[in-house]
């Protein structure tokens, strides 16, 4: 067995947290834009007299759209401007509930991530990039296929040494993914010699940032941001706002971080393909807990050693009986689980497919990131974890 660590367990949201957060962002900034247009109209005559009579200040022209404020204690470059302040208003307004969840998770994740970043040689406060990417959720997945706390796309993940195979996706491994993200961000900083541009390149890709620089003839993020996609244009101010709030959450009206249940764990090497359901049954562990502890297992099945290249380190609650490994070793080969792909035909149901292949409905649902009530589409491709004797 391998040394113990601490893992936070949280409930899996029915609606993806980041999707709902982006929807709130769009609505908030649409309102901001309408308010800005309304406020840009000059107030004259009787309307100006009435406004001043009600305590409004005489209209003056701002000297600059950018200003430096009192910086929080960060080891990343910091500034404040109207765009950063807009995100602070968003996080303390419509996005308050979700941001509080991020703060709750940060109490566990930030102390884990900072030492890894420091070891690789990256600024410790790059943790706030992970905060706005995933809300510190290892199973976070975007529509573009990005996954994990650092939201790597598969190609970038593989180029930095992370495996993204049928059984295991190391983008969800906190330690390995953080090291890969740190190396990638340092490489982007070396390329652009600026952290704001490095963050923008992390979001949109270095090619887009370079093209924006070429079109504008500028090298400053704020100067080229109009040539970047909207998401990237907002990425840097969003990160700066999150870092600002996370430094003094109570000052901005947030309650102190209150993480979900934290349990102590240990690692057990396993070389054969077994379902988490079977392991939980044999070892007397709660199946949902085992699923949450091992976010790198895409299908809920441990990888066979000959495919993974080494034994897989399965994370178990520390209270798991020591006899667990011996009991698993006694299981017959028929209990091994393999992967079968299947395309949905007319009339197919999850229960019917499970019965046909000798699989479990819940295992199929988890392997495909769907629920047991999801409507199946004609031609949809499913991954089916099947017993060894059903393998074709």
Protein backbone atom coordinates (compact mmCIF):
# COMPACT_ATOMS: atom_id res chain seq x y z
CA UNK A 1 0.00 0.00 0.00
CA UNK A 2 1.08 3.59 -0.65
CA UNK A 3 1.01 6.58 1.67
CA UNK A 4 -2.23 8.23 2.67
CA UNK A 5 -3.58 11.49 1.33
CA UNK A 6 -6.69 13.63 1.76
CA UNK A 7 -9.51 13.78 -0.74
CA UNK A 8 -12.61 15.94 -0.77
CA UNK A 9 -15.93 14.42 -1.70
CA UNK A 10 -18.71 16.53 -3.15
CA UNK A 11 -22.07 15.85 -4.66
CA UNK A 12 -22.21 15.66 -8.46
CA UNK A 13 -24.45 18.46 -9.72
CA UNK A 14 -27.38 17.47 -11.91
CA UNK A 15 -26.77 20.46 -14.17
CA UNK A 16 -23.16 21.17 -15.07
CA UNK A 17 -21.91 23.96 -12.84
CA UNK A 18 -19.68 25.65 -15.42
CA UNK A 19 -22.41 25.63 -18.09
CA UNK A 20 -24.87 27.38 -15.77
CA UNK A 21 -22.13 29.80 -14.69
CA UNK A 22 -21.43 30.79 -18.32
CA UNK A 23 -25.15 31.32 -18.92
CA UNK A 24 -25.28 33.67 -15.92
CA UNK A 25 -22.17 35.48 -17.22
CA UNK A 26 -23.77 36.07 -20.62
CA UNK A 27 -26.96 37.41 -19.04
CA UNK A 28 -25.00 39.62 -16.63
CA UNK A 29 -22.79 41.20 -19.29
CA UNK A 30 -25.74 41.68 -21.64
CA UNK A 31 -27.36 43.71 -18.86
CA UNK A 32 -24.06 45.55 -18.30
CA UNK A 33 -23.89 46.45 -21.99
CA UNK A 34 -27.45 47.80 -22.00
CA UNK A 35 -26.76 49.81 -18.84
CA UNK A 36 -23.56 51.17 -20.37
CA UNK A 37 -25.41 52.35 -23.48
CA UNK A 38 -28.07 54.02 -21.34
CA UNK A 39 -25.46 55.74 -19.18
CA UNK A 40 -23.47 56.91 -22.21
CA UNK A 41 -26.34 59.14 -23.32
CA UNK A 42 -25.58 62.73 -22.22
CA UNK A 43 -27.88 64.16 -19.57
CA UNK A 44 -28.85 67.77 -20.32
CA UNK A 45 -31.38 70.43 -19.41
CA UNK A 46 -34.07 69.60 -16.88
CA UNK A 47 -32.92 65.98 -16.59
CA UNK A 48 -29.45 67.15 -15.48
CA UNK A 49 -30.95 69.62 -12.97
CA UNK A 50 -33.17 66.88 -11.53
CA UNK A 51 -30.27 64.42 -11.27
CA UNK A 52 -28.07 66.98 -9.48
CA UNK A 53 -30.98 67.87 -7.20
CA UNK A 54 -31.18 64.22 -6.19
CA UNK A 55 -27.50 64.12 -5.24
CA UNK A 56 -25.80 63.07 -8.50
CA UNK A 57 -22.27 64.36 -9.14
CA UNK A 58 -21.53 66.79 -11.93
CA UNK A 59 -20.51 64.73 -15.00
CA UNK A 60 -16.75 64.59 -15.54
CA UNK A 61 -14.54 62.73 -18.00
CA UNK A 62 -12.56 59.84 -16.52
CA UNK A 63 -8.81 60.33 -16.89
CA UNK A 64 -8.13 56.68 -17.75
CA UNK A 65 -9.96 53.40 -18.28
CA UNK A 66 -7.20 51.57 -16.43
CA UNK A 67 -6.05 52.17 -12.91
CA UNK A 68 -3.93 50.28 -10.43
CA UNK A 69 -5.46 49.49 -7.08
CA UNK A 70 -4.04 48.18 -3.83
CA UNK A 71 -2.82 44.75 -4.92
CA UNK A 72 -3.76 41.68 -2.90
CA UNK A 73 -0.92 39.43 -1.69
CA UNK A 74 -0.38 37.53 -4.96
CA UNK A 75 2.69 36.25 -6.78
CA UNK A 76 1.07 36.84 -10.19
CA UNK A 77 0.83 40.27 -11.86
CA UNK A 78 -2.28 42.13 -10.76
CA UNK A 79 -4.21 45.19 -11.85
CA UNK A 80 -7.73 46.51 -11.63
CA UNK A 81 -9.81 48.20 -14.29
CA UNK A 82 -13.49 48.40 -15.26
CA UNK A 83 -13.42 44.90 -16.75
CA UNK A 84 -11.97 43.36 -13.59
CA UNK A 85 -14.44 45.33 -11.49
CA UNK A 86 -17.31 44.06 -13.67
CA UNK A 87 -16.34 40.46 -12.87
CA UNK A 88 -16.10 41.31 -9.19
CA UNK A 89 -19.68 42.62 -9.42
CA UNK A 90 -20.71 39.43 -11.21
CA UNK A 91 -19.09 37.06 -8.68
CA UNK A 92 -20.55 39.01 -5.76
CA UNK A 93 -23.96 39.23 -7.46
CA UNK A 94 -25.46 36.66 -9.80
CA UNK A 95 -22.49 34.32 -9.55
CA UNK A 96 -22.20 34.50 -5.74
CA UNK A 97 -23.63 31.05 -5.01
CA UNK A 98 -21.36 29.26 -7.49
CA UNK A 99 -18.31 31.28 -6.44
CA UNK A 100 -19.00 30.26 -2.83
CA UNK A 101 -18.86 26.62 -3.96
CA UNK A 102 -15.49 27.35 -5.59
CA UNK A 103 -14.24 28.89 -2.35
CA UNK A 104 -15.43 25.85 -0.39
CA UNK A 105 -13.47 23.50 -2.66
CA UNK A 106 -10.46 25.82 -2.66
CA UNK A 107 -9.96 25.19 1.05
CA UNK A 108 -8.88 21.64 0.15
CA UNK A 109 -7.49 22.01 -3.37
CA UNK A 110 -5.36 25.16 -3.09
CA UNK A 111 -3.08 23.76 -0.32
CA UNK A 112 -2.55 20.70 -2.56
CA UNK A 113 -1.90 22.59 -5.82
CA UNK A 114 0.39 25.38 -4.62
CA UNK A 115 3.31 23.14 -3.54
CA UNK A 116 3.17 21.30 -6.89
CA UNK A 117 3.25 24.57 -8.85
CA UNK A 118 6.13 25.82 -6.71
CA UNK A 119 8.05 22.57 -7.21
CA UNK A 120 7.76 22.91 -11.01
CA UNK A 121 8.84 26.57 -10.78
CA UNK A 122 5.53 28.26 -11.58
CA UNK A 123 3.78 31.01 -9.55
CA UNK A 124 1.75 29.50 -6.72
CA UNK A 125 -1.25 31.69 -7.44
CA UNK A 126 -1.82 30.13 -10.84
CA UNK A 127 -4.25 28.04 -8.78
CA UNK A 128 -6.85 30.71 -9.61
CA UNK A 129 -6.64 29.73 -13.27
CA UNK A 130 -7.82 26.26 -12.24
CA UNK A 131 -10.57 27.91 -10.20
CA UNK A 132 -12.12 29.72 -13.18
CA UNK A 133 -11.52 26.76 -15.52
CA UNK A 134 -13.26 24.05 -13.51
CA UNK A 135 -14.32 25.34 -10.10
CA UNK A 136 -11.81 22.75 -8.74
CA UNK A 137 -13.82 19.77 -10.03
CA UNK A 138 -11.74 16.81 -11.24
CA UNK A 139 -14.60 15.48 -13.39
CA UNK A 140 -15.43 18.84 -14.99
CA UNK A 141 -15.84 18.42 -18.74
CA UNK A 142 -16.51 21.04 -21.40
CA UNK A 143 -18.43 20.71 -24.64
CA UNK A 144 -15.12 21.07 -26.47
CA UNK A 145 -13.77 17.94 -24.77
CA UNK A 146 -11.57 19.69 -22.20
CA UNK A 147 -11.48 17.83 -18.90
CA UNK A 148 -10.13 17.90 -15.38
CA UNK A 149 -9.28 20.63 -12.91
CA UNK A 150 -7.07 22.35 -15.51
CA UNK A 151 -9.40 21.65 -18.48
CA UNK A 152 -6.84 20.18 -20.86
CA UNK A 153 -8.00 19.23 -24.35
CA UNK A 154 -6.79 15.73 -25.32
CA UNK A 155 -4.08 16.83 -27.78
CA UNK A 156 -2.45 19.28 -25.35
CA UNK A 157 -2.71 16.74 -22.52
CA UNK A 158 -0.90 14.08 -24.54
CA UNK A 159 1.81 16.52 -25.61
CA UNK A 160 2.58 17.12 -21.93
CA UNK A 161 2.69 13.44 -21.02
CA UNK A 162 -0.86 12.76 -19.82
CA UNK A 163 -2.56 9.54 -20.93
CA UNK A 164 -6.08 9.79 -22.36
CA UNK A 165 -6.93 6.18 -23.26
CA UNK A 166 -10.11 4.11 -23.15
CA UNK A 167 -9.70 3.20 -19.49
CA UNK A 168 -7.76 6.07 -17.89
CA UNK A 169 -7.79 9.83 -18.43
CA UNK A 170 -4.95 11.37 -16.46
CA UNK A 171 -6.33 14.88 -17.00
CA UNK A 172 -8.41 14.12 -13.91
CA UNK A 173 -5.33 13.20 -11.86
CA UNK A 174 -4.68 16.21 -9.62
CA UNK A 175 -0.93 15.77 -9.26
CA UNK A 176 -0.05 14.84 -12.84
CA UNK A 177 -2.41 17.36 -14.44
CA UNK A 178 -1.10 20.20 -12.23
CA UNK A 179 2.49 19.43 -13.21
CA UNK A 180 1.52 19.34 -16.88
CA UNK A 181 -0.43 22.62 -16.59
CA UNK A 182 2.50 24.31 -14.85
CA UNK A 183 4.91 23.22 -17.59
CA UNK A 184 2.50 24.39 -20.29
CA UNK A 185 1.94 27.79 -18.66
CA UNK A 186 5.68 28.29 -18.17
CA UNK A 187 6.23 27.45 -21.86
CA UNK A 188 3.57 30.00 -22.86
CA UNK A 189 5.17 32.61 -20.59
CA UNK A 190 8.56 31.95 -22.18
CA UNK A 191 6.96 32.45 -25.60
CA UNK A 192 5.10 35.70 -24.86
CA UNK A 193 7.15 37.05 -21.92
CA UNK A 194 3.91 38.17 -20.26
CA UNK A 195 1.59 36.32 -17.89
CA UNK A 196 -1.62 37.93 -19.16
CA UNK A 197 -0.78 36.82 -22.71
CA UNK A 198 0.18 33.36 -21.42
CA UNK A 199 -3.24 33.01 -19.76
CA UNK A 200 -4.98 34.19 -22.92
CA UNK A 201 -2.97 31.64 -24.94
CA UNK A 202 -3.92 28.91 -22.46
CA UNK A 203 -7.56 29.67 -23.20
CA UNK A 204 -7.53 30.38 -26.94
CA UNK A 205 -4.25 28.87 -28.11
CA UNK A 206 -0.95 30.65 -28.80
CA UNK A 207 -1.74 31.00 -32.51
CA UNK A 208 -4.77 33.22 -31.89
CA UNK A 209 -2.86 35.44 -29.51
CA UNK A 210 0.01 35.81 -31.98
CA UNK A 211 -2.41 36.70 -34.80
CA UNK A 212 -4.08 39.32 -32.59
CA UNK A 213 -0.66 40.84 -31.92
CA UNK A 214 0.09 40.90 -35.65
CA UNK A 215 -3.22 42.59 -36.52
CA UNK A 216 -2.88 45.28 -33.86
CA UNK A 217 0.89 45.71 -33.84
CA UNK A 218 0.67 45.62 -30.02
CA UNK A 219 2.17 43.31 -27.41
CA UNK A 220 -0.04 44.21 -24.42
CA UNK A 221 -3.04 41.99 -23.58
CA UNK A 222 -5.40 44.92 -23.00
CA UNK A 223 -4.39 46.45 -26.33
CA UNK A 224 -5.00 43.27 -28.35
CA UNK A 225 -8.03 41.97 -26.46
CA UNK A 226 -10.52 43.43 -28.95
CA UNK A 227 -9.07 41.04 -31.57
CA UNK A 228 -9.52 37.98 -29.34
CA UNK A 229 -12.64 35.80 -28.91
CA UNK A 230 -15.07 37.08 -26.28
CA UNK A 231 -14.28 34.24 -23.86
CA UNK A 232 -10.55 34.96 -24.07
CA UNK A 233 -11.13 38.72 -23.85
CA UNK A 234 -12.86 38.10 -20.51
CA UNK A 235 -10.47 35.38 -19.33
CA UNK A 236 -7.78 37.59 -17.78
CA UNK A 237 -10.14 39.99 -15.96
CA UNK A 238 -12.12 36.99 -14.75
CA UNK A 239 -8.98 35.38 -13.31
CA UNK A 240 -7.87 38.64 -11.66
CA UNK A 241 -11.32 39.12 -10.12
CA UNK A 242 -11.39 35.54 -8.79
CA UNK A 243 -7.92 35.95 -7.26
CA UNK A 244 -8.92 39.27 -5.68
CA UNK A 245 -12.04 37.84 -4.07
CA UNK A 246 -10.37 34.63 -2.94
CA UNK A 247 -7.74 36.59 -1.03
CA UNK A 248 -10.33 38.31 1.19
CA UNK A 249 -13.64 36.50 0.72
CA UNK A 250 -15.22 37.73 3.95
CA UNK A 251 -14.48 41.35 2.99
CA UNK A 252 -16.74 40.84 -0.04
CA UNK A 253 -19.53 39.20 1.95
CA UNK A 254 -18.69 35.53 1.41
CA UNK A 255 -18.76 33.16 4.35
CA UNK A 256 -15.52 31.36 5.33
CA UNK A 257 -14.84 28.32 3.07
CA UNK A 258 -16.64 25.21 4.29
CA UNK A 259 -15.47 22.16 2.31
CA UNK A 260 -17.54 19.02 1.91
CA UNK A 261 -16.61 15.78 3.62
CA UNK A 262 -12.88 15.10 3.58
CA UNK A 263 -11.66 11.55 4.02
CA UNK A 264 -8.23 9.96 4.36
CA UNK A 265 -7.26 7.54 1.60
CA UNK A 266 -4.59 5.08 0.54
CA UNK A 267 -3.52 3.60 -2.80
CA UNK A 268 -3.69 -0.04 -3.83
CA UNK A 269 -2.03 -1.25 -7.06
CA UNK A 270 -4.30 -3.38 -9.23
CA UNK A 271 -3.32 -5.06 -12.52
CA UNK A 272 -6.57 -6.54 -13.89
CA UNK A 273 -9.71 -4.96 -15.38
CA UNK A 274 -12.33 -4.97 -12.63
CA UNK A 275 -15.39 -2.76 -12.31
CA UNK A 276 -15.54 -0.33 -9.41
CA UNK A 277 -18.89 -1.89 -8.55
CA UNK A 278 -17.28 -5.31 -8.09
CA UNK A 279 -14.37 -3.86 -6.09
CA UNK A 280 -16.77 -1.99 -3.84
CA UNK A 281 -18.81 -5.15 -3.30
CA UNK A 282 -15.78 -7.33 -2.48
CA UNK A 283 -14.05 -4.76 -0.26
CA UNK A 284 -17.13 -3.50 1.54
CA UNK A 285 -16.86 0.08 0.25
CA UNK A 286 -19.61 2.47 -0.79
CA UNK A 287 -19.71 2.39 -4.60
CA UNK A 288 -20.41 6.12 -5.02
CA UNK A 289 -17.47 6.96 -2.75
CA UNK A 290 -15.12 4.73 -4.74
CA UNK A 291 -16.33 6.39 -7.97
CA UNK A 292 -15.63 9.87 -6.57
CA UNK A 293 -12.17 8.86 -5.32
CA UNK A 294 -11.04 7.66 -8.77
CA UNK A 295 -12.00 10.33 -11.33
CA UNK A 296 -9.31 9.17 -13.79
CA UNK A 297 -11.22 5.94 -14.53
CA UNK A 298 -13.32 6.91 -17.55
CA UNK A 299 -15.45 3.76 -17.68
CA UNK A 300 -15.43 2.85 -14.00
CA UNK A 301 -13.08 -0.05 -14.79
CA UNK A 302 -9.45 -0.45 -13.76
CA UNK A 303 -7.13 -0.85 -16.79
CA UNK A 304 -5.37 -4.15 -17.51
CA UNK A 305 -1.62 -3.86 -16.90
CA UNK A 306 -0.67 -4.92 -20.45
CA UNK A 307 -2.61 -1.95 -21.87
CA UNK A 308 -1.84 0.68 -19.24
CA UNK A 309 1.86 -0.20 -19.02
CA UNK A 310 1.86 -0.56 -15.23
CA UNK A 311 -0.39 -1.45 -12.33
CA UNK A 312 -3.11 1.13 -11.73
CA UNK A 313 -3.05 2.77 -8.30
CA UNK A 314 -6.63 2.56 -7.11
CA UNK A 315 -7.57 5.06 -4.40
CA UNK A 316 -9.45 3.57 -1.46
CA UNK A 317 -10.72 4.93 1.85
CA UNK A 318 -8.04 4.30 4.46
CA UNK A 319 -10.57 2.36 6.53
CA UNK A 320 -10.84 -0.31 3.78
CA UNK A 321 -9.92 -3.76 5.19
CA UNK A 322 -6.33 -4.85 4.51
CA UNK A 323 -7.69 -8.12 3.12
CA UNK A 324 -9.19 -6.26 0.13
CA UNK A 325 -6.25 -7.00 -2.21
CA UNK A 326 -6.25 -10.72 -1.32
CA UNK A 327 -10.01 -10.98 -1.85
CA UNK A 328 -9.77 -9.32 -5.26
CA UNK A 329 -6.95 -11.67 -6.27
CA UNK A 330 -9.25 -14.64 -5.60
CA UNK A 331 -11.86 -13.43 -8.10
CA UNK A 332 -12.16 -15.69 -11.18
CA UNK A 333 -11.20 -14.36 -14.61
CA UNK A 334 -14.92 -14.23 -15.48
CA UNK A 335 -15.18 -11.17 -13.23
CA UNK A 336 -12.81 -9.18 -15.44
CA UNK A 337 -14.52 -6.37 -17.36
CA UNK A 338 -13.69 -5.25 -20.88
CA UNK A 339 -14.91 -2.55 -23.24
CA UNK A 340 -17.34 -3.08 -26.10
CA UNK A 341 -18.65 -0.31 -28.38
CA UNK A 342 -22.23 -0.36 -29.65
CA UNK A 343 -24.36 1.92 -31.85
CA UNK A 344 -27.96 2.55 -30.84
CA UNK A 345 -30.61 0.97 -33.05
CA UNK A 346 -34.33 1.63 -33.22
CA UNK A 347 -36.09 0.35 -30.08
CA UNK A 348 -32.93 0.05 -27.96
CA UNK A 349 -33.06 0.82 -24.23
CA UNK A 350 -30.29 0.87 -21.66
CA UNK A 351 -31.83 -2.02 -19.77
CA UNK A 352 -32.18 -4.05 -22.97
CA UNK A 353 -28.58 -3.38 -23.99
CA UNK A 354 -27.34 -4.25 -20.51
CA UNK A 355 -29.26 -7.54 -20.56
CA UNK A 356 -27.96 -8.41 -24.02
CA UNK A 357 -24.33 -7.91 -23.04
CA UNK A 358 -24.56 -9.13 -19.45
CA UNK A 359 -23.60 -5.66 -18.23
CA UNK A 360 -25.05 -3.38 -15.54
CA UNK A 361 -27.24 -0.40 -16.46
CA UNK A 362 -25.45 1.90 -13.99
CA UNK A 363 -22.02 0.87 -15.32
CA UNK A 364 -23.09 1.69 -18.89
CA UNK A 365 -24.49 5.06 -17.79
CA UNK A 366 -21.31 6.00 -15.92
CA UNK A 367 -19.07 4.84 -18.77
CA UNK A 368 -20.87 7.21 -21.16
CA UNK A 369 -21.39 10.19 -18.81
CA UNK A 370 -25.17 9.85 -19.01
CA UNK A 371 -27.91 9.03 -16.50
CA UNK A 372 -30.08 5.93 -16.47
CA UNK A 373 -32.97 8.11 -17.71
CA UNK A 374 -31.14 9.72 -20.64
CA UNK A 375 -32.96 9.43 -23.99
CA UNK A 376 -30.85 7.42 -26.44
CA UNK A 377 -30.36 8.77 -29.98
CA UNK A 378 -30.46 6.58 -33.08
CA UNK A 379 -26.86 5.95 -34.17
CA UNK A 380 -25.41 7.12 -30.85
CA UNK A 381 -22.21 5.29 -29.90
CA UNK A 382 -22.13 3.69 -26.45
CA UNK A 383 -19.24 2.18 -24.53
CA UNK A 384 -20.29 -0.98 -22.72
CA UNK A 385 -18.27 -2.53 -19.88
CA UNK A 386 -18.81 -6.28 -20.31
CA UNK A 387 -17.77 -9.47 -18.45
CA UNK A 388 -14.82 -11.44 -19.81
CA UNK A 389 -16.99 -14.36 -21.02
CA UNK A 390 -19.08 -11.95 -23.15
CA UNK A 391 -16.08 -10.47 -24.90
CA UNK A 392 -16.08 -10.84 -28.71
